[in-house]
Amino acid sequence: MKKTITGLALTIASLNCFSAENSNLSVQIIDTFEKNFGITEGKRRNHTKGFCFEGTLKPVNPEIKLYSDSPLFKATSTVIGRLSHKGGNNTAPDNKPGEHGMGLLIRAKNGEEQRMAMNTLDFFPVATPEGFLLLNKAKGGDAQAKQMLTAKHPEILNFKAHLAKKIKNVELYENMHFNSINSFYLVNSQGKRTPIRWSFEPASKAKLPQQIKASDNLLFDNIKANLQTGPVTWNMVITIANPDDPINDASALWQGEHKTIIAAQLNVLKVNSEANGKCDDINFDPLILTSGFEPSDDPILKARSPSYAVSFGRRLSEKASTKK
């Protein structure tokens, strides 16, 4: 059984697993978030505004066991999760279009844990963490970074073209699609590895109750109201890579027909503000995986763990200082 790593131990472990160069890059990325967004002490540097939820992840299609020996697909797991806004503004309005995120801590029946950090992007803007740093510097007004970004990372043009075509409406959390963005491998009991991506897709279309106003906290108020009539549900859809799909490039959208499996169903049973919930002190590190999953060599995926650790360590330190 895998050990569960929590709190400060996770921060140290994540940073120690990477070279000094990668750790320094992660520090620069978080520094840039702080410069662009400001700092809300004790809170995440990105996806600052959010709320907690509790629920379950229930296996659906036994076919997934042919691809993975993960305990997530053998019995119902408990879930502590978080729904959030992209960006560093703790008071971001809900009644304006934007990108959003879903973080999951899934605790399997056998005690193993898996964490997921997904968002509503279809694919990532750039292929490397160095490109991501340039992107955020450019967003902060760095003219040199903006010029270098296009020259060194022309894939950003494809992302911008794709984003321009997307319909930008205010959407309820219940109707959002959350994507893994990065690729992973499923590993079965014979050790066979299958490259995949996944998404959490709404099981049904939610409506806005008449008594809920289009306020700055619309999304929380709405899902809380909808839970009075039953769980809010997403299907975990596994997409199996085709032979020509780029596995280690998060900036590449997989094209054409693919085999998909609805492997499990996420049922949200309860929501809470972060002050009253259980998700605030969770680091949703996507490299914490159960047996039956393995990470790809995607450089963006590898950079997420130390970047999350830097942000997590800073907010833990800020919380500790306020208690003195």
C-alpha atoms as a PDB file:
ATOM      1  CA  MET A   1       0.000   0.000   0.000  1.00  0.00           C
ATOM      2  CA  LYS A   2       1.239   3.465  -0.836  1.00  0.00           C
ATOM      3  CA  LYS A   3       1.901   5.921   1.940  1.00  0.00           C
ATOM      4  CA  THR A   4      -0.214   9.052   2.087  1.00  0.00           C
ATOM      5  CA  ILE A   5       1.932  12.194   2.086  1.00  0.00           C
ATOM      6  CA  THR A   6       0.335  15.300   3.560  1.00  0.00           C
ATOM      7  CA  GLY A   7       1.139  18.808   4.742  1.00  0.00           C
ATOM      8  CA  LEU A   8       4.678  20.081   4.892  1.00  0.00           C
ATOM      9  CA  ALA A   9       6.077  16.602   4.153  1.00  0.00           C
ATOM     10  CA  LEU A  10       4.449  16.759   0.713  1.00  0.00           C
ATOM     11  CA  THR A  11       6.022  20.140   0.020  1.00  0.00           C
ATOM     12  CA  ILE A  12       9.504  18.914   0.920  1.00  0.00           C
ATOM     13  CA  ALA A  13       9.099  15.628  -0.951  1.00  0.00           C
ATOM     14  CA  SER A  14       7.906  17.357  -4.119  1.00  0.00           C
ATOM     15  CA  LEU A  15      10.803  19.806  -4.164  1.00  0.00           C
ATOM     16  CA  ASN A  16      13.402  17.130  -3.384  1.00  0.00           C
ATOM     17  CA  CYS A  17      12.259  14.997  -6.321  1.00  0.00           C
ATOM     18  CA  PHE A  18      13.333  17.613  -8.853  1.00  0.00           C
ATOM     19  CA  SER A  19      16.578  19.237  -9.834  1.00  0.00           C
ATOM     20  CA  ALA A  20      17.600  22.606  -8.467  1.00  0.00           C
ATOM     21  CA  GLU A  21      16.970  24.049 -11.942  1.00  0.00           C
ATOM     22  CA  ASN A  22      13.372  22.811 -12.038  1.00  0.00           C
ATOM     23  CA  SER A  23      12.743  23.891  -8.449  1.00  0.00           C
ATOM     24  CA  ASN A  24      14.087  27.370  -9.247  1.00  0.00           C
ATOM     25  CA  LEU A  25      11.814  27.523 -12.297  1.00  0.00           C
ATOM     26  CA  SER A  26       8.837  26.689 -10.086  1.00  0.00           C
ATOM     27  CA  VAL A  27       9.795  29.484  -7.687  1.00  0.00           C
ATOM     28  CA  GLN A  28       9.929  31.915 -10.625  1.00  0.00           C
ATOM     29  CA  ILE A  29       6.486  30.781 -11.848  1.00  0.00           C
ATOM     30  CA  ILE A  30       4.923  31.350  -8.418  1.00  0.00           C
ATOM     31  CA  ASP A  31       6.741  34.682  -8.078  1.00  0.00           C
ATOM     32  CA  THR A  32       5.177  35.733 -11.377  1.00  0.00           C
ATOM     33  CA  PHE A  33       1.709  34.711 -10.197  1.00  0.00           C
ATOM     34  CA  GLU A  34       2.214  36.879  -7.134  1.00  0.00           C
ATOM     35  CA  LYS A  35       3.384  39.809  -9.246  1.00  0.00           C
ATOM     36  CA  ASN A  36       0.449  39.523 -11.658  1.00  0.00           C
ATOM     37  CA  PHE A  37      -2.321  38.687  -9.193  1.00  0.00           C
ATOM     38  CA  GLY A  38      -1.105  40.000  -5.871  1.00  0.00           C
ATOM     39  CA  ILE A  39      -1.053  37.881  -2.721  1.00  0.00           C
ATOM     40  CA  THR A  40      -4.018  36.767  -0.658  1.00  0.00           C
ATOM     41  CA  GLU A  41      -2.154  35.524   2.408  1.00  0.00           C
ATOM     42  CA  GLY A  42      -2.762  31.915   3.348  1.00  0.00           C
ATOM     43  CA  LYS A  43      -4.438  31.206  -0.005  1.00  0.00           C
ATOM     44  CA  ARG A  44      -3.464  29.582  -3.289  1.00  0.00           C
ATOM     45  CA  ARG A  45      -1.451  31.723  -5.726  1.00  0.00           C
ATOM     46  CA  ASN A  46      -3.670  30.637  -8.632  1.00  0.00           C
ATOM     47  CA  HIS A  47      -7.293  29.502  -8.506  1.00  0.00           C
ATOM     48  CA  THR A  48      -7.504  31.549  -5.319  1.00  0.00           C
ATOM     49  CA  LYS A  49     -11.291  31.748  -5.121  1.00  0.00           C
ATOM     50  CA  GLY A  50     -13.058  28.452  -4.584  1.00  0.00           C
ATOM     51  CA  PHE A  51     -15.065  26.239  -2.276  1.00  0.00           C
ATOM     52  CA  CYS A  52     -14.921  22.689  -0.932  1.00  0.00           C
ATOM     53  CA  PHE A  53     -17.083  19.687  -1.642  1.00  0.00           C
ATOM     54  CA  GLU A  54     -17.426  16.134  -0.405  1.00  0.00           C
ATOM     55  CA  GLY A  55     -18.606  13.129  -2.348  1.00  0.00           C
ATOM     56  CA  THR A  56     -17.799   9.723  -3.794  1.00  0.00           C
ATOM     57  CA  LEU A  57     -16.196   8.228  -6.891  1.00  0.00           C
ATOM     58  CA  LYS A  58     -17.998   5.065  -7.954  1.00  0.00           C
ATOM     59  CA  PRO A  59     -16.728   2.637 -10.645  1.00  0.00           C
ATOM     60  CA  VAL A  60     -19.123   2.312 -13.593  1.00  0.00           C
ATOM     61  CA  ASN A  61     -17.753   0.222 -16.463  1.00  0.00           C
ATOM     62  CA  PRO A  62     -15.782  -2.951 -15.587  1.00  0.00           C
ATOM     63  CA  GLU A  63     -14.016  -2.719 -18.967  1.00  0.00           C
ATOM     64  CA  ILE A  64     -11.634  -0.194 -17.414  1.00  0.00           C
ATOM     65  CA  LYS A  65     -10.105  -3.031 -15.343  1.00  0.00           C
ATOM     66  CA  LEU A  66      -8.598  -4.404 -18.565  1.00  0.00           C
ATOM     67  CA  TYR A  67      -6.450  -1.252 -18.679  1.00  0.00           C
ATOM     68  CA  SER A  68      -5.822  -0.420 -15.023  1.00  0.00           C
ATOM     69  CA  ASP A  69      -5.423  -2.222 -11.717  1.00  0.00           C
ATOM     70  CA  SER A  70      -6.210   0.982  -9.802  1.00  0.00           C
ATOM     71  CA  PRO A  71      -8.332   0.632  -6.636  1.00  0.00           C
ATOM     72  CA  LEU A  72     -10.359   3.600  -7.957  1.00  0.00           C
ATOM     73  CA  PHE A  73     -11.988   1.186 -10.404  1.00  0.00           C
ATOM     74  CA  LYS A  74     -12.628  -1.636  -7.918  1.00  0.00           C
ATOM     75  CA  ALA A  75     -14.798  -0.039  -5.221  1.00  0.00           C
ATOM     76  CA  THR A  76     -16.386   3.273  -4.292  1.00  0.00           C
ATOM     77  CA  SER A  77     -13.875   5.851  -3.015  1.00  0.00           C
ATOM     78  CA  THR A  78     -14.436   8.920  -0.846  1.00  0.00           C
ATOM     79  CA  VAL A  79     -13.661  12.343  -2.297  1.00  0.00           C
ATOM     80  CA  ILE A  80     -12.735  15.733  -0.913  1.00  0.00           C
ATOM     81  CA  GLY A  81     -12.673  18.260  -3.729  1.00  0.00           C
ATOM     82  CA  ARG A  82     -12.507  21.899  -4.647  1.00  0.00           C
ATOM     83  CA  LEU A  83     -14.130  23.961  -7.415  1.00  0.00           C
ATOM     84  CA  SER A  84     -12.375  27.208  -8.263  1.00  0.00           C
ATOM     85  CA  HIS A  85     -11.799  30.235 -10.451  1.00  0.00           C
ATOM     86  CA  LYS A  86      -8.650  30.608 -12.517  1.00  0.00           C
ATOM     87  CA  GLY A  87      -6.549  33.539 -11.339  1.00  0.00           C
ATOM     88  CA  GLY A  88      -5.383  35.085  -8.090  1.00  0.00           C
ATOM     89  CA  ASN A  89      -8.384  37.224  -7.168  1.00  0.00           C
ATOM     90  CA  ASN A  90     -10.115  35.902  -4.052  1.00  0.00           C
ATOM     91  CA  THR A  91     -13.219  37.943  -4.889  1.00  0.00           C
ATOM     92  CA  ALA A  92     -13.499  37.128  -8.605  1.00  0.00           C
ATOM     93  CA  PRO A  93     -17.130  37.551  -9.725  1.00  0.00           C
ATOM     94  CA  ASP A  94     -19.070  34.436 -10.704  1.00  0.00           C
ATOM     95  CA  ASN A  95     -21.321  36.289 -13.135  1.00  0.00           C
ATOM     96  CA  LYS A  96     -18.577  36.823 -15.722  1.00  0.00           C
ATOM     97  CA  PRO A  97     -17.088  34.238 -18.130  1.00  0.00           C
ATOM     98  CA  GLY A  98     -13.799  32.640 -17.101  1.00  0.00           C
ATOM     99  CA  GLU A  99     -11.774  29.460 -16.796  1.00  0.00           C
ATOM    100  CA  HIS A 100     -12.327  27.195 -13.812  1.00  0.00           C
ATOM    101  CA  GLY A 101     -10.733  24.283 -12.013  1.00  0.00           C
ATOM    102  CA  MET A 102     -11.580  21.100 -10.151  1.00  0.00           C
ATOM    103  CA  GLY A 103      -9.230  19.517  -7.612  1.00  0.00           C
ATOM    104  CA  LEU A 104      -9.844  16.048  -6.187  1.00  0.00           C
ATOM    105  CA  LEU A 105      -8.374  14.079  -3.309  1.00  0.00           C
ATOM    106  CA  ILE A 106      -9.693  10.559  -3.859  1.00  0.00           C
ATOM    107  CA  ARG A 107      -9.203   8.057  -1.047  1.00  0.00           C
ATOM    108  CA  ALA A 108      -9.670   4.485  -2.243  1.00  0.00           C
ATOM    109  CA  LYS A 109     -11.175   1.773  -0.092  1.00  0.00           C
ATOM    110  CA  ASN A 110      -7.715   0.175   0.403  1.00  0.00           C
ATOM    111  CA  GLY A 111      -6.282   3.467   1.729  1.00  0.00           C
ATOM    112  CA  GLU A 112      -4.412   4.597  -1.393  1.00  0.00           C
ATOM    113  CA  GLU A 113      -4.827   8.197  -2.475  1.00  0.00           C
ATOM    114  CA  GLN A 114      -4.963   9.885  -5.836  1.00  0.00           C
ATOM    115  CA  ARG A 115      -5.069  13.598  -6.444  1.00  0.00           C
ATOM    116  CA  MET A 116      -6.212  15.359  -9.581  1.00  0.00           C
ATOM    117  CA  ALA A 117      -5.951  18.961 -10.713  1.00  0.00           C
ATOM    118  CA  MET A 118      -8.105  19.659 -13.753  1.00  0.00           C
ATOM    119  CA  ASN A 119      -9.438  22.715 -15.520  1.00  0.00           C
ATOM    120  CA  THR A 120     -11.816  23.778 -18.241  1.00  0.00           C
ATOM    121  CA  LEU A 121      -9.110  24.391 -20.839  1.00  0.00           C
ATOM    122  CA  ASP A 122      -9.168  21.914 -23.736  1.00  0.00           C
ATOM    123  CA  PHE A 123      -5.365  21.902 -23.900  1.00  0.00           C
ATOM    124  CA  PHE A 124      -2.451  23.860 -22.474  1.00  0.00           C
ATOM    125  CA  PRO A 125      -1.186  27.112 -24.078  1.00  0.00           C
ATOM    126  CA  VAL A 126       2.487  26.031 -24.240  1.00  0.00           C
ATOM    127  CA  ALA A 127       4.465  22.788 -24.228  1.00  0.00           C
ATOM    128  CA  THR A 128       7.078  23.490 -21.543  1.00  0.00           C
ATOM    129  CA  PRO A 129       7.299  25.094 -18.091  1.00  0.00           C
ATOM    130  CA  GLU A 130       9.804  27.597 -19.498  1.00  0.00           C
ATOM    131  CA  GLY A 131       7.113  28.648 -21.963  1.00  0.00           C
ATOM    132  CA  PHE A 132       4.579  28.908 -19.154  1.00  0.00           C
ATOM    133  CA  LEU A 133       6.906  31.263 -17.269  1.00  0.00           C
ATOM    134  CA  LEU A 134       7.285  33.423 -20.371  1.00  0.00           C
ATOM    135  CA  LEU A 135       3.525  33.414 -20.865  1.00  0.00           C
ATOM    136  CA  ASN A 136       2.866  34.692 -17.364  1.00  0.00           C
ATOM    137  CA  LYS A 137       5.610  37.315 -17.622  1.00  0.00           C
ATOM    138  CA  ALA A 138       4.038  38.483 -20.891  1.00  0.00           C
ATOM    139  CA  LYS A 139       0.625  38.693 -19.196  1.00  0.00           C
ATOM    140  CA  GLY A 140       2.260  40.897 -16.577  1.00  0.00           C
ATOM    141  CA  GLY A 141       3.374  43.385 -19.234  1.00  0.00           C
ATOM    142  CA  ASP A 142       6.934  42.190 -19.915  1.00  0.00           C
ATOM    143  CA  ALA A 143       7.445  43.214 -23.561  1.00  0.00           C
ATOM    144  CA  GLN A 144      10.594  41.117 -24.002  1.00  0.00           C
ATOM    145  CA  ALA A 145       8.856  38.020 -22.651  1.00  0.00           C
ATOM    146  CA  LYS A 146       5.959  38.595 -25.032  1.00  0.00           C
ATOM    147  CA  GLN A 147       8.323  38.760 -28.010  1.00  0.00           C
ATOM    148  CA  MET A 148      10.264  35.687 -26.892  1.00  0.00           C
ATOM    149  CA  LEU A 149       7.071  33.725 -26.219  1.00  0.00           C
ATOM    150  CA  THR A 150       5.881  33.763 -29.816  1.00  0.00           C
ATOM    151  CA  ALA A 151       9.367  33.118 -31.197  1.00  0.00           C
ATOM    152  CA  LYS A 152      10.222  30.219 -28.889  1.00  0.00           C
ATOM    153  CA  HIS A 153       6.749  28.791 -28.445  1.00  0.00           C
ATOM    154  CA  PRO A 154       4.766  29.141 -31.685  1.00  0.00           C
ATOM    155  CA  GLU A 155       2.241  26.642 -30.298  1.00  0.00           C
ATOM    156  CA  ILE A 156       0.761  29.596 -28.381  1.00  0.00           C
ATOM    157  CA  LEU A 157      -0.716  30.828 -31.687  1.00  0.00           C
ATOM    158  CA  ASN A 158      -2.691  27.611 -32.068  1.00  0.00           C
ATOM    159  CA  PHE A 159      -4.003  27.970 -28.529  1.00  0.00           C
ATOM    160  CA  LYS A 160      -5.033  31.602 -29.090  1.00  0.00           C
ATOM    161  CA  ALA A 161      -6.848  30.676 -32.304  1.00  0.00           C
ATOM    162  CA  HIS A 162      -8.694  27.860 -30.536  1.00  0.00           C
ATOM    163  CA  LEU A 163      -9.609  30.090 -27.587  1.00  0.00           C
ATOM    164  CA  ALA A 164     -10.965  32.800 -29.896  1.00  0.00           C
ATOM    165  CA  LYS A 165     -13.478  30.322 -31.347  1.00  0.00           C
ATOM    166  CA  LYS A 166     -14.847  29.203 -27.981  1.00  0.00           C
ATOM    167  CA  ILE A 167     -18.179  30.633 -26.900  1.00  0.00           C
ATOM    168  CA  LYS A 168     -17.640  32.727 -23.792  1.00  0.00           C
ATOM    169  CA  ASN A 169     -20.699  32.495 -21.574  1.00  0.00           C
ATOM    170  CA  VAL A 170     -21.250  32.362 -17.851  1.00  0.00           C
ATOM    171  CA  GLU A 171     -21.641  28.644 -17.101  1.00  0.00           C
ATOM    172  CA  LEU A 172     -22.685  26.784 -13.973  1.00  0.00           C
ATOM    173  CA  TYR A 173     -20.101  24.502 -12.380  1.00  0.00           C
ATOM    174  CA  GLU A 174     -22.549  21.619 -12.813  1.00  0.00           C
ATOM    175  CA  ASN A 175     -22.349  22.045 -16.608  1.00  0.00           C
ATOM    176  CA  MET A 176     -18.585  22.479 -16.963  1.00  0.00           C
ATOM    177  CA  HIS A 177     -16.210  19.912 -18.459  1.00  0.00           C
ATOM    178  CA  PHE A 178     -12.969  19.482 -16.499  1.00  0.00           C
ATOM    179  CA  ASN A 179      -9.939  18.037 -18.309  1.00  0.00           C
ATOM    180  CA  SER A 180      -6.749  16.381 -17.104  1.00  0.00           C
ATOM    181  CA  ILE A 181      -4.868  18.367 -19.823  1.00  0.00           C
ATOM    182  CA  ASN A 182      -1.773  16.180 -19.306  1.00  0.00           C
ATOM    183  CA  SER A 183      -1.447  12.554 -20.371  1.00  0.00           C
ATOM    184  CA  PHE A 184      -1.008   9.635 -17.995  1.00  0.00           C
ATOM    185  CA  TYR A 185      -0.677   5.865 -18.328  1.00  0.00           C
ATOM    186  CA  LEU A 186      -3.076   3.242 -17.099  1.00  0.00           C
ATOM    187  CA  VAL A 187      -1.278   0.088 -15.977  1.00  0.00           C
ATOM    188  CA  ASN A 188      -3.081  -3.262 -15.732  1.00  0.00           C
ATOM    189  CA  SER A 189      -2.310  -6.325 -13.629  1.00  0.00           C
ATOM    190  CA  GLN A 190       0.011  -7.666 -16.363  1.00  0.00           C
ATOM    191  CA  GLY A 191       2.005  -4.428 -16.378  1.00  0.00           C
ATOM    192  CA  LYS A 192       0.730  -3.230 -19.758  1.00  0.00           C
ATOM    193  CA  ARG A 193       0.788   0.578 -20.030  1.00  0.00           C
ATOM    194  CA  THR A 194      -1.889   2.457 -21.984  1.00  0.00           C
ATOM    195  CA  PRO A 195      -1.554   6.221 -22.590  1.00  0.00           C
ATOM    196  CA  ILE A 196      -4.710   8.159 -21.749  1.00  0.00           C
ATOM    197  CA  ARG A 197      -6.226  11.480 -20.896  1.00  0.00           C
ATOM    198  CA  TRP A 198      -9.439  11.957 -18.947  1.00  0.00           C
ATOM    199  CA  SER A 199     -12.210  14.423 -18.400  1.00  0.00           C
ATOM    200  CA  PHE A 200     -15.062  14.850 -15.957  1.00  0.00           C
ATOM    201  CA  GLU A 201     -18.200  15.517 -17.973  1.00  0.00           C
ATOM    202  CA  PRO A 202     -21.607  16.520 -16.547  1.00  0.00           C
ATOM    203  CA  ALA A 203     -24.032  13.604 -16.295  1.00  0.00           C
ATOM    204  CA  SER A 204     -26.952  15.979 -16.894  1.00  0.00           C
ATOM    205  CA  LYS A 205     -27.625  19.624 -17.677  1.00  0.00           C
ATOM    206  CA  ALA A 206     -28.304  21.852 -14.672  1.00  0.00           C
ATOM    207  CA  LYS A 207     -30.516  24.918 -14.653  1.00  0.00           C
ATOM    208  CA  LEU A 208     -30.305  28.104 -12.623  1.00  0.00           C
ATOM    209  CA  PRO A 209     -33.053  28.156  -9.960  1.00  0.00           C
ATOM    210  CA  GLN A 210     -35.176  31.303 -10.125  1.00  0.00           C
ATOM    211  CA  GLN A 211     -34.362  32.290  -6.543  1.00  0.00           C
ATOM    212  CA  ILE A 212     -30.609  32.380  -7.240  1.00  0.00           C
ATOM    213  CA  LYS A 213     -29.416  35.811  -8.344  1.00  0.00           C
ATOM    214  CA  ALA A 214     -26.598  36.425 -10.832  1.00  0.00           C
ATOM    215  CA  SER A 215     -24.349  37.526  -7.996  1.00  0.00           C
ATOM    216  CA  ASP A 216     -20.618  37.375  -7.309  1.00  0.00           C
ATOM    217  CA  ASN A 217     -21.203  34.015  -5.565  1.00  0.00           C
ATOM    218  CA  LEU A 218     -23.643  32.632  -8.105  1.00  0.00           C
ATOM    219  CA  LEU A 219     -21.785  29.346  -8.665  1.00  0.00           C
ATOM    220  CA  PHE A 220     -21.590  28.354  -4.998  1.00  0.00           C
ATOM    221  CA  ASP A 221     -25.170  29.409  -4.249  1.00  0.00           C
ATOM    222  CA  ASN A 222     -26.476  27.510  -7.255  1.00  0.00           C
ATOM    223  CA  ILE A 223     -24.758  24.184  -6.626  1.00  0.00           C
ATOM    224  CA  LYS A 224     -25.757  24.348  -2.954  1.00  0.00           C
ATOM    225  CA  ALA A 225     -29.393  24.824  -3.992  1.00  0.00           C
ATOM    226  CA  ASN A 226     -29.262  22.018  -6.560  1.00  0.00           C
ATOM    227  CA  LEU A 227     -27.858  19.597  -3.966  1.00  0.00           C
ATOM    228  CA  GLN A 228     -31.134  19.850  -2.072  1.00  0.00           C
ATOM    229  CA  THR A 229     -32.716  17.644  -4.744  1.00  0.00           C
ATOM    230  CA  GLY A 230     -29.878  15.096  -4.986  1.00  0.00           C
ATOM    231  CA  PRO A 231     -26.185  14.670  -5.901  1.00  0.00           C
ATOM    232  CA  VAL A 232     -24.461  16.707  -8.596  1.00  0.00           C
ATOM    233  CA  THR A 233     -22.765  14.204 -10.894  1.00  0.00           C
ATOM    234  CA  TRP A 234     -19.894  14.078 -13.362  1.00  0.00           C
ATOM    235  CA  ASN A 235     -18.802  11.078 -15.449  1.00  0.00           C
ATOM    236  CA  MET A 236     -15.083  10.265 -15.501  1.00  0.00           C
ATOM    237  CA  VAL A 237     -14.443   9.689 -19.198  1.00  0.00           C
ATOM    238  CA  ILE A 238     -11.152   7.988 -20.082  1.00  0.00           C
ATOM    239  CA  THR A 239      -9.854   8.726 -23.596  1.00  0.00           C
ATOM    240  CA  ILE A 240      -7.380   6.156 -24.903  1.00  0.00           C
ATOM    241  CA  ALA A 241      -4.605   7.538 -27.098  1.00  0.00           C
ATOM    242  CA  ASN A 242      -4.335   6.658 -30.754  1.00  0.00           C
ATOM    243  CA  PRO A 243      -0.893   5.526 -32.007  1.00  0.00           C
ATOM    244  CA  ASP A 244      -0.109   8.943 -33.526  1.00  0.00           C
ATOM    245  CA  ASP A 245      -1.243  11.062 -30.554  1.00  0.00           C
ATOM    246  CA  PRO A 246       1.460  13.193 -28.859  1.00  0.00           C
ATOM    247  CA  ILE A 247       1.688  11.842 -25.318  1.00  0.00           C
ATOM    248  CA  ASN A 248       4.185  14.269 -23.794  1.00  0.00           C
ATOM    249  CA  ASP A 249       2.834  17.547 -25.187  1.00  0.00           C
ATOM    250  CA  ALA A 250       0.003  19.163 -23.221  1.00  0.00           C
ATOM    251  CA  SER A 251      -0.282  21.894 -25.869  1.00  0.00           C
ATOM    252  CA  ALA A 252      -1.463  19.373 -28.482  1.00  0.00           C
ATOM    253  CA  LEU A 253      -5.166  18.558 -28.711  1.00  0.00           C
ATOM    254  CA  TRP A 254      -5.832  14.935 -29.653  1.00  0.00           C
ATOM    255  CA  GLN A 255      -7.718  14.927 -32.957  1.00  0.00           C
ATOM    256  CA  GLY A 256     -10.215  12.510 -34.510  1.00  0.00           C
ATOM    257  CA  GLU A 257     -12.107   9.512 -33.187  1.00  0.00           C
ATOM    258  CA  HIS A 258     -10.894   7.841 -29.993  1.00  0.00           C
ATOM    259  CA  LYS A 259     -11.977   4.961 -27.823  1.00  0.00           C
ATOM    260  CA  THR A 260     -13.546   6.276 -24.627  1.00  0.00           C
ATOM    261  CA  ILE A 261     -14.729   4.556 -21.461  1.00  0.00           C
ATOM    262  CA  ILE A 262     -16.960   6.020 -18.759  1.00  0.00           C
ATOM    263  CA  ALA A 263     -14.832   4.542 -15.992  1.00  0.00           C
ATOM    264  CA  ALA A 264     -16.415   6.077 -12.890  1.00  0.00           C
ATOM    265  CA  GLN A 265     -18.941   8.575 -11.655  1.00  0.00           C
ATOM    266  CA  LEU A 266     -18.222  11.475  -9.312  1.00  0.00           C
ATOM    267  CA  ASN A 267     -21.151  12.269  -7.034  1.00  0.00           C
ATOM    268  CA  VAL A 268     -20.935  15.559  -5.129  1.00  0.00           C
ATOM    269  CA  LEU A 269     -23.008  15.308  -1.965  1.00  0.00           C
ATOM    270  CA  LYS A 270     -22.120  18.429   0.012  1.00  0.00           C
ATOM    271  CA  VAL A 271     -20.471  21.832  -0.514  1.00  0.00           C
ATOM    272  CA  ASN A 272     -18.879  24.183   2.017  1.00  0.00           C
ATOM    273  CA  SER A 273     -16.977  27.426   2.041  1.00  0.00           C
ATOM    274  CA  GLU A 274     -13.245  26.866   2.466  1.00  0.00           C
ATOM    275  CA  ALA A 275     -13.445  28.203   6.009  1.00  0.00           C
ATOM    276  CA  ASN A 276     -15.924  25.444   6.908  1.00  0.00           C
ATOM    277  CA  GLY A 277     -14.750  22.749   4.494  1.00  0.00           C
ATOM    278  CA  LYS A 278     -11.932  20.223   4.328  1.00  0.00           C
ATOM    279  CA  CYS A 279     -10.106  21.223   1.135  1.00  0.00           C
ATOM    280  CA  ASP A 280      -8.247  24.394   2.121  1.00  0.00           C
ATOM    281  CA  ASP A 281      -5.099  22.644   3.348  1.00  0.00           C
ATOM    282  CA  ILE A 282      -4.982  20.066   0.545  1.00  0.00           C
ATOM    283  CA  ASN A 283      -2.305  20.288  -2.124  1.00  0.00           C
ATOM    284  CA  PHE A 284      -3.937  18.834  -5.250  1.00  0.00           C
ATOM    285  CA  ASP A 285      -0.662  17.501  -6.640  1.00  0.00           C
ATOM    286  CA  PRO A 286      -1.507  15.531  -9.822  1.00  0.00           C
ATOM    287  CA  LEU A 287       1.559  13.310  -9.412  1.00  0.00           C
ATOM    288  CA  ILE A 288       0.125  11.608  -6.326  1.00  0.00           C
ATOM    289  CA  LEU A 289      -1.287   8.502  -8.030  1.00  0.00           C
ATOM    290  CA  THR A 290      -2.746   5.171  -7.008  1.00  0.00           C
ATOM    291  CA  SER A 291      -1.297   1.913  -8.305  1.00  0.00           C
ATOM    292  CA  GLY A 292      -2.643   1.365 -11.803  1.00  0.00           C
ATOM    293  CA  PHE A 293      -1.735   4.922 -12.861  1.00  0.00           C
ATOM    294  CA  GLU A 294       1.650   6.289 -13.950  1.00  0.00           C
ATOM    295  CA  PRO A 295       2.675   9.779 -15.113  1.00  0.00           C
ATOM    296  CA  SER A 296       3.768  10.519 -18.657  1.00  0.00           C
ATOM    297  CA  ASP A 297       7.011  12.364 -19.409  1.00  0.00           C
ATOM    298  CA  ASP A 298       5.122  15.571 -20.199  1.00  0.00           C
ATOM    299  CA  PRO A 299       7.388  18.395 -18.915  1.00  0.00           C
ATOM    300  CA  ILE A 300       4.352  20.487 -17.921  1.00  0.00           C
ATOM    301  CA  LEU A 301       3.076  17.644 -15.759  1.00  0.00           C
ATOM    302  CA  LYS A 302       6.475  17.192 -14.121  1.00  0.00           C
ATOM    303  CA  ALA A 303       6.655  20.926 -13.337  1.00  0.00           C
ATOM    304  CA  ARG A 304       3.240  21.057 -11.692  1.00  0.00           C
ATOM    305  CA  SER A 305       4.288  19.120  -8.589  1.00  0.00           C
ATOM    306  CA  PRO A 306       7.158  21.414  -7.489  1.00  0.00           C
ATOM    307  CA  SER A 307       5.174  24.534  -8.451  1.00  0.00           C
ATOM    308  CA  TYR A 308       2.242  23.427  -6.332  1.00  0.00           C
ATOM    309  CA  ALA A 309       4.684  22.638  -3.516  1.00  0.00           C
ATOM    310  CA  VAL A 310       6.165  26.165  -3.612  1.00  0.00           C
ATOM    311  CA  SER A 311       2.706  27.744  -3.459  1.00  0.00           C
ATOM    312  CA  PHE A 312       1.586  25.324  -0.749  1.00  0.00           C
ATOM    313  CA  GLY A 313       4.662  25.991   1.368  1.00  0.00           C
ATOM    314  CA  ARG A 314       4.172  29.745   1.193  1.00  0.00           C
ATOM    315  CA  ARG A 315       0.558  29.648   2.280  1.00  0.00           C
ATOM    316  CA  LEU A 316       1.321  27.184   5.075  1.00  0.00           C
ATOM    317  CA  SER A 317       4.011  29.568   6.305  1.00  0.00           C
ATOM    318  CA  GLU A 318       1.605  32.518   6.157  1.00  0.00           C
ATOM    319  CA  LYS A 319      -1.037  30.609   8.090  1.00  0.00           C
ATOM    320  CA  ALA A 320       1.489  29.592  10.726  1.00  0.00           C
ATOM    321  CA  SER A 321       2.685  33.188  11.179  1.00  0.00           C
ATOM    322  CA  THR A 322      -0.854  34.457  11.773  1.00  0.00           C
ATOM    323  CA  LYS A 323      -1.309  31.955  14.589  1.00  0.00           C
ATOM    324  CA  LYS A 324       1.729  33.185  16.528  1.00  0.00           C
END
